[in-house]
Amino acid sequence: MNSARNGPSRAKYGGIQEALSYYDNALSTMGGAHTGLYSGSIRELGSEELKAKYLPLADSFELPGCFALTELGHGSNTRGIETEAHWDAEQGCYIINTPKTTAQKYWIGAAAETAIMSIVWAQLYVPHPEDSSKWEHQGIHAFLVPLRDRATRAILPGITIRNCGMKSGLNGMDNGRIWFDKVKVPRTMCLDKYGGINEDGVYESMFQSKEQRFGGQLVNLSEGRVGLAVSSINMSKTALTIAIRYGQTRRQFGAKEVGQLETRIMDYNLHQRRLYPLLAQTYAMHFAARTIAKLKDTEKTELSEIKQFHVISSGLKSLHTWHLLDTLQATREACGGQGLKSSNRIGHMKADCDPMVTYEGDNQVMLITVAKGSLSDYSPKKLPVLQSFNKDKFAGQTFSDATLLSAEWQLDLFQHHVYATSLRLGAAVAKTRAALDGSSLSLDSILDQHAALSQEFARAVIEHWILNEFVMVEKQDKTGSMTLVRQLHALWKVDMDANMVRRRYVDEAVQERVRDLVGATIHRVHENVDALVGAFGVPDHLLGSIAGDWVEANEVDGDEDI
């Protein structure tokens, strides 16, 4: 099979992952861990020799694998993992060891029963060049380590594996725990693109600092986060399709007498406000996910490119997975008791998707990452003016409806929010540093001291990026549908985002008019909802019975389960 970075196998696996995300999140997660994290690490970080030998076996699933980074003692703080790898010059190999209980690899997907190989991350120690009795720490590195015998599937000597047991959801994934007892790993099995022991037994790296090396080595985590963003939107589409179709056939109230035709629940404004803003956000996030997925498949050689990809993918992973959970809760409620039935999918999806806000980076921590990576990019000495506000030249912010609905005004406001929060956060960071009086404190620690402002800034950066990508797509749309959906997406944020409302970028009268326009835009979406939901393209067989003829399905001899 073609294993080139942009070869057909990569595109094929991307399509498979997309399909799986509509069908089953556990299966999708397992596939993503194998193709994105395990195979992807070999592809991105391995030597040409290693790729030639193992990629075909990984791509064909002859050697299923896992990605062993998380430990009992360390999750989001990957720098702090405790598994060790020491270079043994006499034996010419690395020695990987689990030195304490908290260093055991934990929650490793596919490790409990499936994986034969593993990408194992460990702190690398090499003999000090001036004193071989001392060790020099080189930071975390990845190694391709066999876990099981390929023929018998027996666990190999020096390795202990246990199942993590039943979970509240995602039980289709066999998460495992792994211990290493002085396991020998050949020199060539180190994924040494950014650093490793050369043929002369000397450590070498293309980067001078461990910090730079760390950023490059974990690029596959960023790629995994892209997969989560895409999967989240696909599952949001599925849940919304189920709930909206059910709402179009479920009738409640409105009849003057028993037996008269009642009103479709989807015709109630209350129900529309519950679902249509989520529909608009799903469209916006769909295009954002598509853009970052394309960026994932480009070669990133410069640190600035790696940084941008890391920042945006981290932010999208957070906002997209939170959006999914919000959507699943809203659609579950919108379907009433039917939303609880496993056969109608939404309740089961809730349980399986809940872990997505945790694995591959806790969402709250990911937003701090976005703030840290973006602060230097938005550092105005004073707050820039709102350009579209000046162009109107109305006294006291009297904007026309056309202005409030325009992409120009909405983008301007979103960008202004980015700069405003950047200015506040930058001032807070500077004040904290000045108060240190010469003592040092990491930027991470300072941002934690201003966690609320850091997260507000990070959200502003990503929300502006999402809207900007949406507007780019809108310009290519000849039907006008994307303009309508973009208007609702942005106006809903202006109306409901507590931070934007609190900052009072617009006065009370304008804020009230924005709310009125939200209602009017929701009404227009309702008139076009069949086409908008149909464009999601979720196959009928992946929807619960409530998305179809749920009355027939619930006949005594119907298809509905008991």
Protein backbone atom coordinates (compact mmCIF):
# COMPACT_ATOMS: atom_id res chain seq x y z
CA MET A 1 0.00 0.00 0.00
CA ASN A 2 1.11 3.57 -0.60
CA SER A 3 2.28 5.00 2.69
CA ALA A 4 3.46 8.36 1.44
CA ARG A 5 2.24 11.27 3.49
CA ASN A 6 -0.31 12.38 0.93
CA GLY A 7 -0.74 8.99 -0.76
CA PRO A 8 -4.03 7.25 -1.38
CA SER A 9 -3.79 5.12 1.76
CA ARG A 10 -3.82 8.23 3.95
CA ALA A 11 -6.85 9.65 2.16
CA LYS A 12 -8.53 6.25 2.33
CA TYR A 13 -8.01 5.96 6.06
CA GLY A 14 -9.30 9.50 6.52
CA GLY A 15 -12.50 8.48 4.76
CA ILE A 16 -12.80 5.33 6.85
CA GLN A 17 -12.40 7.34 10.05
CA GLU A 18 -15.08 9.77 8.93
CA ALA A 19 -17.51 6.94 8.25
CA LEU A 20 -16.76 5.27 11.57
CA SER A 21 -17.40 8.48 13.50
CA TYR A 22 -21.00 8.48 12.27
CA TYR A 23 -21.42 4.84 13.24
CA ASP A 24 -19.66 4.14 16.54
CA ASN A 25 -17.37 6.38 18.57
CA ALA A 26 -15.49 3.50 20.24
CA LEU A 27 -14.63 1.93 16.89
CA SER A 28 -13.74 5.35 15.49
CA THR A 29 -11.51 6.09 18.48
CA MET A 30 -9.71 2.77 18.15
CA GLY A 31 -9.19 3.33 14.44
CA GLY A 32 -7.95 6.85 15.04
CA ALA A 33 -5.50 5.70 17.70
CA HIS A 34 -4.10 3.11 15.30
CA THR A 35 -3.91 5.17 12.11
CA GLY A 36 -3.36 8.63 13.57
CA LEU A 37 -1.24 8.10 16.68
CA TYR A 38 0.46 4.74 16.19
CA SER A 39 0.99 4.63 12.41
CA GLY A 40 1.16 8.41 12.28
CA SER A 41 4.04 8.51 14.75
CA ILE A 42 6.01 6.00 12.70
CA ARG A 43 5.27 8.02 9.57
CA GLU A 44 6.13 11.40 11.09
CA LEU A 45 9.00 10.55 13.42
CA GLY A 46 10.55 7.29 12.24
CA SER A 47 13.64 6.77 10.13
CA GLU A 48 13.28 5.73 6.50
CA GLU A 49 14.40 2.22 7.46
CA LEU A 50 11.78 1.99 10.21
CA LYS A 51 9.02 3.32 7.96
CA ALA A 52 9.89 0.93 5.15
CA LYS A 53 9.72 -2.05 7.49
CA TYR A 54 6.77 -1.26 9.74
CA LEU A 55 4.42 1.14 7.96
CA PRO A 56 3.11 -1.43 5.46
CA LEU A 57 2.40 -3.81 8.35
CA ALA A 58 0.70 -1.06 10.35
CA ASP A 59 -1.29 0.25 7.38
CA SER A 60 -2.57 -3.24 6.59
CA PHE A 61 -3.41 -3.83 10.28
CA GLU A 62 -1.13 -6.86 10.32
CA LEU A 63 0.63 -5.21 13.25
CA PRO A 64 -2.06 -3.39 15.22
CA GLY A 65 -0.63 -0.91 17.66
CA CYS A 66 -1.28 1.59 20.40
CA PHE A 67 0.11 4.92 21.62
CA ALA A 68 1.51 4.73 25.16
CA LEU A 69 1.96 8.26 26.47
CA THR A 70 -0.52 8.79 29.34
CA GLU A 71 0.47 7.43 32.75
CA LEU A 72 -1.27 6.93 36.05
CA GLY A 73 0.55 9.96 37.43
CA HIS A 74 0.60 12.18 34.34
CA GLY A 75 -2.01 12.95 31.69
CA SER A 76 -2.12 16.49 30.31
CA ASN A 77 1.40 17.21 31.58
CA THR A 78 3.20 14.99 29.10
CA ARG A 79 6.56 16.56 29.98
CA GLY A 80 6.26 15.04 33.43
CA ILE A 81 5.89 11.36 32.46
CA GLU A 82 8.03 9.03 34.56
CA THR A 83 8.75 6.05 32.29
CA GLU A 84 12.50 5.99 31.66
CA ALA A 85 14.70 5.02 28.73
CA HIS A 86 18.46 4.78 29.36
CA TRP A 87 20.99 4.32 26.56
CA ASP A 88 23.21 1.31 27.29
CA ALA A 89 26.35 1.88 25.23
CA GLU A 90 27.80 -1.55 25.97
CA GLN A 91 24.73 -3.43 24.75
CA GLY A 92 23.94 -0.88 22.05
CA CYS A 93 20.28 -0.56 23.00
CA TYR A 94 17.84 1.47 25.02
CA ILE A 95 16.55 0.09 28.34
CA ILE A 96 12.93 1.06 29.01
CA ASN A 97 11.69 0.80 32.58
CA THR A 98 8.69 1.66 34.73
CA PRO A 99 10.36 2.93 37.93
CA LYS A 100 7.25 3.40 40.10
CA THR A 101 3.52 2.74 40.23
CA THR A 102 2.59 6.19 38.94
CA ALA A 103 4.80 5.58 35.87
CA GLN A 104 2.64 2.74 34.53
CA LYS A 105 1.07 3.57 31.17
CA TYR A 106 -2.64 4.09 31.75
CA TRP A 107 -5.80 4.35 29.62
CA ILE A 108 -3.84 3.15 26.60
CA GLY A 109 -6.39 2.43 23.88
CA ALA A 110 -6.14 -1.06 22.32
CA ALA A 111 -3.44 -2.13 24.78
CA ALA A 112 -5.53 -4.50 26.88
CA GLU A 113 -6.20 -7.05 24.14
CA THR A 114 -5.55 -5.77 20.61
CA ALA A 115 -2.15 -4.14 20.17
CA ILE A 116 0.94 -6.09 19.15
CA MET A 117 3.18 -3.02 18.96
CA SER A 118 3.25 0.25 20.86
CA ILE A 119 4.66 3.73 20.52
CA VAL A 120 6.13 4.12 24.00
CA TRP A 121 7.07 7.56 25.29
CA ALA A 122 9.78 7.83 27.92
CA GLN A 123 12.24 10.27 29.45
CA LEU A 124 15.55 9.64 27.67
CA TYR A 125 18.81 9.59 29.62
CA VAL A 126 22.19 9.24 27.88
CA PRO A 127 25.68 9.01 29.39
CA HIS A 128 27.15 12.43 30.06
CA PRO A 129 29.77 13.19 27.37
CA GLU A 130 32.34 14.28 29.97
CA ASP A 131 31.53 11.79 32.73
CA SER A 132 29.97 8.48 31.68
CA SER A 133 29.06 7.70 35.30
CA LYS A 134 26.46 10.48 35.14
CA TRP A 135 23.30 10.72 33.07
CA GLU A 136 22.24 13.59 30.84
CA HIS A 137 18.50 14.13 30.44
CA GLN A 138 17.30 14.74 26.86
CA GLY A 139 13.54 14.98 27.45
CA ILE A 140 10.80 12.66 26.23
CA HIS A 141 11.34 10.45 23.18
CA ALA A 142 9.26 7.82 21.42
CA PHE A 143 10.18 4.17 20.82
CA LEU A 144 8.52 1.45 18.78
CA VAL A 145 8.23 -1.45 21.22
CA PRO A 146 6.72 -4.93 20.65
CA LEU A 147 4.17 -5.86 23.33
CA ARG A 148 3.01 -9.27 22.15
CA ASP A 149 4.33 -12.16 20.09
CA ARG A 150 3.06 -11.67 16.56
CA ALA A 151 2.18 -15.34 16.07
CA THR A 152 0.84 -16.39 19.48
CA ARG A 153 -0.20 -12.92 20.78
CA ALA A 154 1.42 -13.84 24.12
CA ILE A 155 2.66 -10.86 26.12
CA LEU A 156 6.45 -10.60 25.78
CA PRO A 157 8.91 -11.00 28.68
CA GLY A 158 9.49 -7.86 30.74
CA ILE A 159 6.05 -6.48 29.91
CA THR A 160 2.95 -6.59 32.10
CA ILE A 161 -0.48 -5.58 30.76
CA ARG A 162 -3.76 -5.23 32.63
CA ASN A 163 -7.22 -4.15 31.46
CA CYS A 164 -8.47 -0.82 32.83
CA GLY A 165 -11.89 -2.44 33.32
CA MET A 166 -15.42 -1.23 32.66
CA LYS A 167 -16.00 2.47 32.13
CA SER A 168 -19.04 4.76 32.15
CA GLY A 169 -18.88 4.72 28.34
CA LEU A 170 -16.66 3.88 25.37
CA ASN A 171 -16.44 0.23 26.43
CA GLY A 172 -15.83 -0.81 22.85
CA MET A 173 -12.26 0.40 23.37
CA ASP A 174 -9.97 -1.99 25.29
CA ASN A 175 -8.02 0.47 27.41
CA GLY A 176 -5.05 -1.04 29.18
CA ARG A 177 -2.26 -0.45 31.68
CA ILE A 178 1.36 -1.31 30.80
CA TRP A 179 4.51 -1.83 32.89
CA PHE A 180 8.05 -2.27 31.51
CA ASP A 181 10.73 -4.15 33.45
CA LYS A 182 14.08 -3.17 31.90
CA VAL A 183 12.93 -3.97 28.37
CA LYS A 184 15.69 -3.81 25.75
CA VAL A 185 14.87 -1.81 22.62
CA PRO A 186 17.27 -1.72 19.63
CA ARG A 187 18.79 1.65 18.70
CA THR A 188 16.93 1.72 15.39
CA MET A 189 13.55 1.45 17.14
CA CYS A 190 13.79 4.98 18.49
CA LEU A 191 11.65 7.39 16.46
CA ASP A 192 14.60 9.72 16.06
CA LYS A 193 13.52 12.38 13.56
CA TYR A 194 14.13 15.09 16.15
CA GLY A 195 16.69 13.33 18.32
CA GLY A 196 18.31 9.99 19.15
CA ILE A 197 21.51 7.97 19.34
CA ASN A 198 23.38 7.82 16.02
CA GLU A 199 25.44 4.94 14.64
CA ASP A 200 28.49 6.21 16.54
CA GLY A 201 26.64 5.94 19.85
CA VAL A 202 26.33 9.71 20.26
CA TYR A 203 23.12 11.60 20.92
CA GLU A 204 22.25 14.12 18.21
CA SER A 205 19.28 16.35 17.50
CA MET A 206 18.29 18.93 14.91
CA PHE A 207 17.10 21.17 17.77
CA GLN A 208 19.28 22.80 20.39
CA SER A 209 16.68 22.90 23.14
CA LYS A 210 14.43 20.24 24.66
CA GLU A 211 11.52 22.69 24.39
CA GLN A 212 11.80 22.92 20.60
CA ARG A 213 12.26 19.16 20.30
CA PHE A 214 9.21 18.55 22.47
CA GLY A 215 7.00 20.66 20.19
CA GLY A 216 8.03 18.75 17.09
CA GLN A 217 7.80 15.30 18.63
CA LEU A 218 4.19 15.62 19.71
CA VAL A 219 2.84 16.90 16.40
CA ASN A 220 0.86 13.67 16.14
CA LEU A 221 -1.12 14.58 19.24
CA SER A 222 -2.17 17.69 17.35
CA GLU A 223 -3.20 15.50 14.43
CA GLY A 224 -5.23 13.34 16.80
CA ARG A 225 -7.01 16.44 18.05
CA VAL A 226 -7.95 17.26 14.48
CA GLY A 227 -9.56 13.84 14.25
CA LEU A 228 -11.54 14.54 17.41
CA ALA A 229 -12.75 17.85 16.00
CA VAL A 230 -13.95 16.18 12.79
CA SER A 231 -15.57 13.27 14.66
CA SER A 232 -17.32 15.63 17.06
CA ILE A 233 -18.99 17.48 14.24
CA ASN A 234 -20.06 14.28 12.48
CA MET A 235 -21.71 13.04 15.65
CA SER A 236 -23.31 16.45 16.20
CA LYS A 237 -24.79 16.18 12.70
CA THR A 238 -26.17 12.75 13.52
CA ALA A 239 -27.80 13.87 16.78
CA LEU A 240 -29.29 16.99 15.20
CA THR A 241 -30.66 15.03 12.26
CA ILE A 242 -32.39 12.61 14.66
CA ALA A 243 -33.82 15.35 16.89
CA ILE A 244 -34.99 17.69 14.13
CA ARG A 245 -36.62 14.92 12.10
CA TYR A 246 -38.37 13.69 15.22
CA GLY A 247 -39.50 17.25 15.94
CA GLN A 248 -41.04 17.45 12.49
CA THR A 249 -43.30 14.44 13.13
CA ARG A 250 -43.92 14.59 16.88
CA ARG A 251 -47.04 16.63 17.73
CA GLN A 252 -47.99 18.08 21.11
CA PHE A 253 -50.55 20.69 22.19
CA GLY A 254 -52.35 23.20 20.00
CA ALA A 255 -55.57 21.23 19.48
CA LYS A 256 -58.79 22.63 20.89
CA GLU A 257 -60.35 19.20 21.23
CA VAL A 258 -59.11 15.66 21.71
CA GLY A 259 -58.55 14.00 18.37
CA GLN A 260 -57.75 17.17 16.48
CA LEU A 261 -54.38 17.52 14.82
CA GLU A 262 -51.84 18.96 17.25
CA THR A 263 -48.89 21.23 16.51
CA ARG A 264 -45.54 19.80 15.41
CA ILE A 265 -43.06 20.46 18.20
CA MET A 266 -40.55 21.70 15.61
CA ASP A 267 -42.98 24.56 14.84
CA TYR A 268 -42.66 25.95 18.37
CA ASN A 269 -40.19 28.83 18.76
CA LEU A 270 -39.01 27.28 22.02
CA HIS A 271 -37.97 24.09 20.23
CA GLN A 272 -36.36 25.99 17.37
CA ARG A 273 -34.23 28.05 19.78
CA ARG A 274 -33.16 24.80 21.41
CA LEU A 275 -31.82 23.23 18.21
CA TYR A 276 -31.25 25.71 15.37
CA PRO A 277 -28.38 27.68 16.95
CA LEU A 278 -26.63 24.34 17.46
CA LEU A 279 -27.33 23.56 13.81
CA ALA A 280 -25.67 26.83 12.78
CA GLN A 281 -22.68 26.24 15.07
CA THR A 282 -22.31 22.74 13.64
CA TYR A 283 -22.08 24.17 10.13
CA ALA A 284 -19.48 26.74 11.23
CA MET A 285 -17.43 24.12 13.05
CA HIS A 286 -17.71 21.70 10.12
CA PHE A 287 -15.87 24.12 7.84
CA ALA A 288 -13.30 24.90 10.53
CA ALA A 289 -12.63 21.18 10.99
CA ARG A 290 -12.27 20.74 7.23
CA THR A 291 -9.70 23.53 7.06
CA ILE A 292 -7.54 22.21 9.89
CA ALA A 293 -7.79 18.70 8.43
CA LYS A 294 -6.30 20.00 5.18
CA LEU A 295 -3.56 21.76 7.15
CA LYS A 296 -2.84 18.45 8.89
CA ASP A 297 -1.93 16.89 5.55
CA THR A 298 0.63 19.55 4.63
CA GLU A 299 4.32 19.20 5.41
CA LYS A 300 5.25 21.33 8.44
CA THR A 301 8.98 21.96 8.69
CA GLU A 302 9.13 25.40 10.33
CA LEU A 303 8.54 25.83 14.05
CA SER A 304 6.05 28.61 13.29
CA GLU A 305 3.98 26.18 11.19
CA ILE A 306 4.08 23.52 13.90
CA LYS A 307 3.09 26.14 16.48
CA GLN A 308 0.12 27.43 14.47
CA PHE A 309 -1.12 23.91 13.82
CA HIS A 310 -0.74 23.00 17.50
CA VAL A 311 -2.58 26.12 18.70
CA ILE A 312 -5.53 25.88 16.30
CA SER A 313 -5.94 22.11 16.65
CA SER A 314 -5.88 22.41 20.46
CA GLY A 315 -8.52 25.12 20.41
CA LEU A 316 -10.76 23.34 17.93
CA LYS A 317 -10.51 20.08 19.86
CA SER A 318 -11.78 21.89 22.97
CA LEU A 319 -14.59 23.89 21.39
CA HIS A 320 -15.73 21.10 19.07
CA THR A 321 -15.93 18.40 21.75
CA TRP A 322 -17.70 20.76 24.17
CA HIS A 323 -20.10 21.63 21.35
CA LEU A 324 -20.75 17.94 20.82
CA LEU A 325 -21.64 17.36 24.47
CA ASP A 326 -23.90 20.44 24.46
CA THR A 327 -25.57 19.18 21.28
CA LEU A 328 -26.08 15.67 22.65
CA GLN A 329 -27.64 17.03 25.83
CA ALA A 330 -29.92 19.41 23.95
CA THR A 331 -31.00 16.80 21.41
CA ARG A 332 -31.56 14.22 24.15
CA GLU A 333 -33.89 16.65 25.92
CA ALA A 334 -35.53 17.64 22.63
CA CYS A 335 -36.49 14.01 22.05
CA GLY A 336 -38.01 13.63 25.51
CA GLY A 337 -38.16 10.07 26.81
CA GLN A 338 -37.34 8.70 23.36
CA GLY A 339 -33.92 10.32 23.67
CA LEU A 340 -33.10 7.89 26.46
CA LYS A 341 -33.61 4.76 24.37
CA SER A 342 -30.38 3.17 23.20
CA SER A 343 -31.94 2.31 19.86
CA ASN A 344 -32.41 6.01 19.19
CA ARG A 345 -28.64 6.47 19.63
CA ILE A 346 -28.39 9.84 21.38
CA GLY A 347 -28.21 8.52 24.96
CA HIS A 348 -25.62 5.93 23.98
CA MET A 349 -23.61 8.59 22.13
CA LYS A 350 -23.62 10.77 25.25
CA ALA A 351 -21.95 8.05 27.30
CA ASP A 352 -19.43 7.20 24.60
CA CYS A 353 -18.53 10.79 23.76
CA ASP A 354 -18.12 12.18 27.27
CA PRO A 355 -14.42 11.12 27.49
CA MET A 356 -13.58 13.18 24.39
CA VAL A 357 -13.19 16.34 26.47
CA THR A 358 -10.47 14.57 28.47
CA TYR A 359 -8.34 12.36 26.24
CA GLU A 360 -5.69 13.84 23.94
CA GLY A 361 -5.61 16.92 26.15
CA ASP A 362 -8.01 18.16 28.83
CA ASN A 363 -10.11 20.90 27.25
CA GLN A 364 -9.45 23.47 29.94
CA VAL A 365 -5.70 22.86 29.70
CA MET A 366 -5.87 23.03 25.90
CA LEU A 367 -7.32 26.56 26.11
CA ILE A 368 -4.38 27.63 28.27
CA THR A 369 -2.17 26.20 25.52
CA VAL A 370 -4.02 28.36 22.98
CA ALA A 371 -3.59 31.45 25.14
CA LYS A 372 0.13 30.78 25.62
CA GLY A 373 0.69 30.21 21.92
CA SER A 374 -1.37 33.21 20.77
CA LEU A 375 -0.56 36.00 23.21
CA SER A 376 2.50 37.23 21.32
CA ASP A 377 0.50 37.27 18.07
CA TYR A 378 -2.04 39.74 19.47
CA SER A 379 -0.21 42.34 21.53
CA PRO A 380 -1.61 45.81 20.75
CA LYS A 381 -0.34 48.75 22.78
CA LYS A 382 -3.86 50.13 22.66
CA LEU A 383 -7.20 48.72 21.63
CA PRO A 384 -7.79 48.98 17.85
CA VAL A 385 -10.97 50.75 16.82
CA LEU A 386 -13.91 48.82 15.43
CA GLN A 387 -13.60 49.65 11.74
CA SER A 388 -17.19 48.85 10.79
CA PHE A 389 -18.41 50.96 13.73
CA ASN A 390 -16.60 53.98 12.31
CA LYS A 391 -17.92 53.42 8.80
CA ASP A 392 -21.53 53.65 9.95
CA LYS A 393 -20.94 57.03 11.55
CA PHE A 394 -24.18 56.75 13.47
CA ALA A 395 -24.56 58.62 16.71
CA GLY A 396 -24.78 56.33 19.71
CA GLN A 397 -24.38 53.05 17.83
CA THR A 398 -27.51 53.02 15.69
CA PHE A 399 -26.80 50.19 13.27
CA SER A 400 -29.05 49.04 10.48
CA ASP A 401 -30.20 45.43 10.46
CA ALA A 402 -28.17 44.92 7.29
CA THR A 403 -25.04 45.99 9.14
CA LEU A 404 -25.69 43.72 12.13
CA LEU A 405 -26.26 40.80 9.78
CA SER A 406 -23.20 41.50 7.64
CA ALA A 407 -20.08 39.36 7.72
CA GLU A 408 -17.96 42.51 7.87
CA TRP A 409 -19.55 43.79 11.09
CA GLN A 410 -19.55 40.37 12.75
CA LEU A 411 -15.92 39.62 11.88
CA ASP A 412 -14.92 43.08 13.07
CA LEU A 413 -16.62 42.53 16.41
CA PHE A 414 -15.12 39.06 16.87
CA GLN A 415 -11.64 40.36 16.04
CA HIS A 416 -12.11 43.31 18.38
CA HIS A 417 -12.95 40.83 21.13
CA VAL A 418 -9.66 39.04 20.45
CA TYR A 419 -7.63 42.23 20.75
CA ALA A 420 -9.56 43.46 23.77
CA THR A 421 -8.99 40.25 25.71
CA SER A 422 -5.37 40.11 24.54
CA LEU A 423 -4.79 43.63 25.84
CA ARG A 424 -6.28 42.77 29.21
CA LEU A 425 -4.40 39.48 29.51
CA GLY A 426 -1.13 41.04 28.39
CA ALA A 427 -1.48 43.78 31.01
CA ALA A 428 -2.27 41.21 33.71
CA VAL A 429 0.77 39.09 32.75
CA ALA A 430 3.03 42.17 32.75
CA LYS A 431 1.74 43.26 36.16
CA THR A 432 2.36 39.80 37.61
CA ARG A 433 5.89 39.70 36.22
CA ALA A 434 6.64 43.17 37.60
CA ALA A 435 5.47 42.08 41.05
CA LEU A 436 7.87 39.11 41.02
CA ASP A 437 10.73 41.50 41.74
CA GLY A 438 13.37 39.52 39.88
CA SER A 439 12.20 36.02 40.73
CA SER A 440 11.14 33.78 37.86
CA LEU A 441 7.76 32.26 37.15
CA SER A 442 6.82 30.36 34.02
CA LEU A 443 4.28 31.79 31.62
CA ASP A 444 2.12 28.71 32.25
CA SER A 445 1.99 29.54 35.96
CA ILE A 446 1.23 33.19 35.28
CA LEU A 447 -1.57 32.30 32.87
CA ASP A 448 -2.96 29.96 35.51
CA GLN A 449 -3.11 32.89 37.91
CA HIS A 450 -5.29 34.60 35.31
CA ALA A 451 -7.13 31.46 34.21
CA ALA A 452 -10.49 33.10 33.53
CA LEU A 453 -8.97 35.83 31.36
CA SER A 454 -6.67 33.31 29.63
CA GLN A 455 -9.59 31.13 28.67
CA GLU A 456 -11.66 34.09 27.52
CA PHE A 457 -8.80 35.14 25.24
CA ALA A 458 -8.28 31.60 23.91
CA ARG A 459 -11.96 31.20 23.12
CA ALA A 460 -11.97 34.58 21.38
CA VAL A 461 -9.02 33.57 19.18
CA ILE A 462 -10.61 30.28 18.12
CA GLU A 463 -14.13 31.69 17.70
CA HIS A 464 -12.76 34.40 15.39
CA TRP A 465 -10.81 31.77 13.42
CA ILE A 466 -13.95 29.65 13.03
CA LEU A 467 -16.05 32.60 11.86
CA ASN A 468 -13.37 33.73 9.43
CA GLU A 469 -13.23 30.26 7.85
CA PHE A 470 -17.02 30.21 7.62
CA VAL A 471 -17.04 33.56 5.81
CA MET A 472 -14.46 32.26 3.33
CA VAL A 473 -16.79 29.35 2.50
CA GLU A 474 -19.80 31.66 2.34
CA LYS A 475 -18.16 33.70 -0.40
CA GLN A 476 -18.12 30.60 -2.61
CA ASP A 477 -21.77 29.72 -1.91
CA LYS A 478 -24.19 30.81 -4.63
CA THR A 479 -27.38 29.69 -2.87
CA GLY A 480 -27.35 32.11 0.06
CA SER A 481 -27.86 29.26 2.52
CA MET A 482 -24.48 29.70 4.15
CA THR A 483 -25.07 33.41 4.60
CA LEU A 484 -28.23 32.62 6.56
CA VAL A 485 -26.49 30.02 8.73
CA ARG A 486 -23.46 32.27 9.30
CA GLN A 487 -25.72 35.10 10.42
CA LEU A 488 -27.38 32.91 13.03
CA HIS A 489 -24.08 31.43 14.19
CA ALA A 490 -22.46 34.82 14.79
CA LEU A 491 -25.53 36.65 16.15
CA TRP A 492 -26.18 33.83 18.62
CA LYS A 493 -22.63 34.25 19.94
CA VAL A 494 -23.06 38.01 20.27
CA ASP A 495 -26.36 37.50 22.08
CA MET A 496 -25.41 34.61 24.36
CA ASP A 497 -21.64 34.85 24.95
CA ALA A 498 -21.39 36.13 28.52
CA ASN A 499 -17.93 37.60 27.97
CA MET A 500 -18.93 39.61 24.90
CA VAL A 501 -22.06 40.88 26.64
CA ARG A 502 -20.11 41.82 29.77
CA ARG A 503 -17.52 43.76 27.78
CA ARG A 504 -20.33 45.96 26.39
CA TYR A 505 -18.86 46.37 22.93
CA VAL A 506 -22.37 47.37 21.84
CA ASP A 507 -24.88 49.33 23.87
CA GLU A 508 -28.07 47.92 25.34
CA ALA A 509 -30.30 48.99 22.46
CA VAL A 510 -28.07 47.25 19.92
CA GLN A 511 -27.85 44.14 22.10
CA GLU A 512 -31.64 44.01 22.21
CA ARG A 513 -31.85 44.38 18.45
CA VAL A 514 -29.35 41.53 18.06
CA ARG A 515 -31.68 39.32 20.09
CA ASP A 516 -34.61 40.27 17.87
CA LEU A 517 -32.55 39.42 14.78
CA VAL A 518 -31.65 36.05 16.29
CA GLY A 519 -35.35 35.25 16.48
CA ALA A 520 -35.98 36.42 12.93
CA THR A 521 -33.00 34.43 11.62
CA ILE A 522 -34.14 31.29 13.45
CA HIS A 523 -37.51 31.67 11.69
CA ARG A 524 -35.75 31.81 8.30
CA VAL A 525 -33.66 28.76 9.18
CA HIS A 526 -36.89 26.93 10.03
CA GLU A 527 -38.17 27.61 6.53
CA ASN A 528 -35.04 26.00 5.08
CA VAL A 529 -34.32 23.35 7.69
CA ASP A 530 -35.10 20.31 5.50
CA ALA A 531 -32.37 21.26 3.05
CA LEU A 532 -29.92 22.22 5.80
CA VAL A 533 -30.35 18.94 7.66
CA GLY A 534 -30.43 16.94 4.45
CA ALA A 535 -27.07 18.41 3.46
CA PHE A 536 -25.50 16.69 6.47
CA GLY A 537 -25.99 13.48 4.50
CA VAL A 538 -26.33 11.14 7.48
CA PRO A 539 -27.64 7.80 6.12
CA ASP A 540 -31.06 6.74 7.39
CA HIS A 541 -29.77 3.42 8.71
CA LEU A 542 -27.54 5.32 11.15
CA LEU A 543 -30.51 7.17 12.66
CA GLY A 544 -32.83 5.90 15.36
CA SER A 545 -36.43 4.96 14.63
CA ILE A 546 -37.64 8.34 15.89
CA ALA A 547 -36.06 9.93 12.83
CA GLY A 548 -38.48 7.94 10.67
CA ASP A 549 -41.87 6.31 11.18
CA TRP A 550 -41.62 5.87 14.93
CA VAL A 551 -45.30 4.99 15.29
CA GLU A 552 -44.98 1.98 12.97
CA ALA A 553 -41.74 0.96 14.67
CA ASN A 554 -43.59 0.80 18.00
CA GLU A 555 -46.42 -1.44 16.82
CA VAL A 556 -46.71 -4.68 18.81
CA ASP A 557 -44.93 -6.50 16.01
CA GLY A 558 -42.77 -3.51 15.04
CA ASP A 559 -39.01 -3.22 14.80
CA GLU A 560 -38.51 -1.32 18.04
CA ASP A 561 -36.53 -3.16 20.68
CA ILE A 562 -37.93 -4.06 24.08
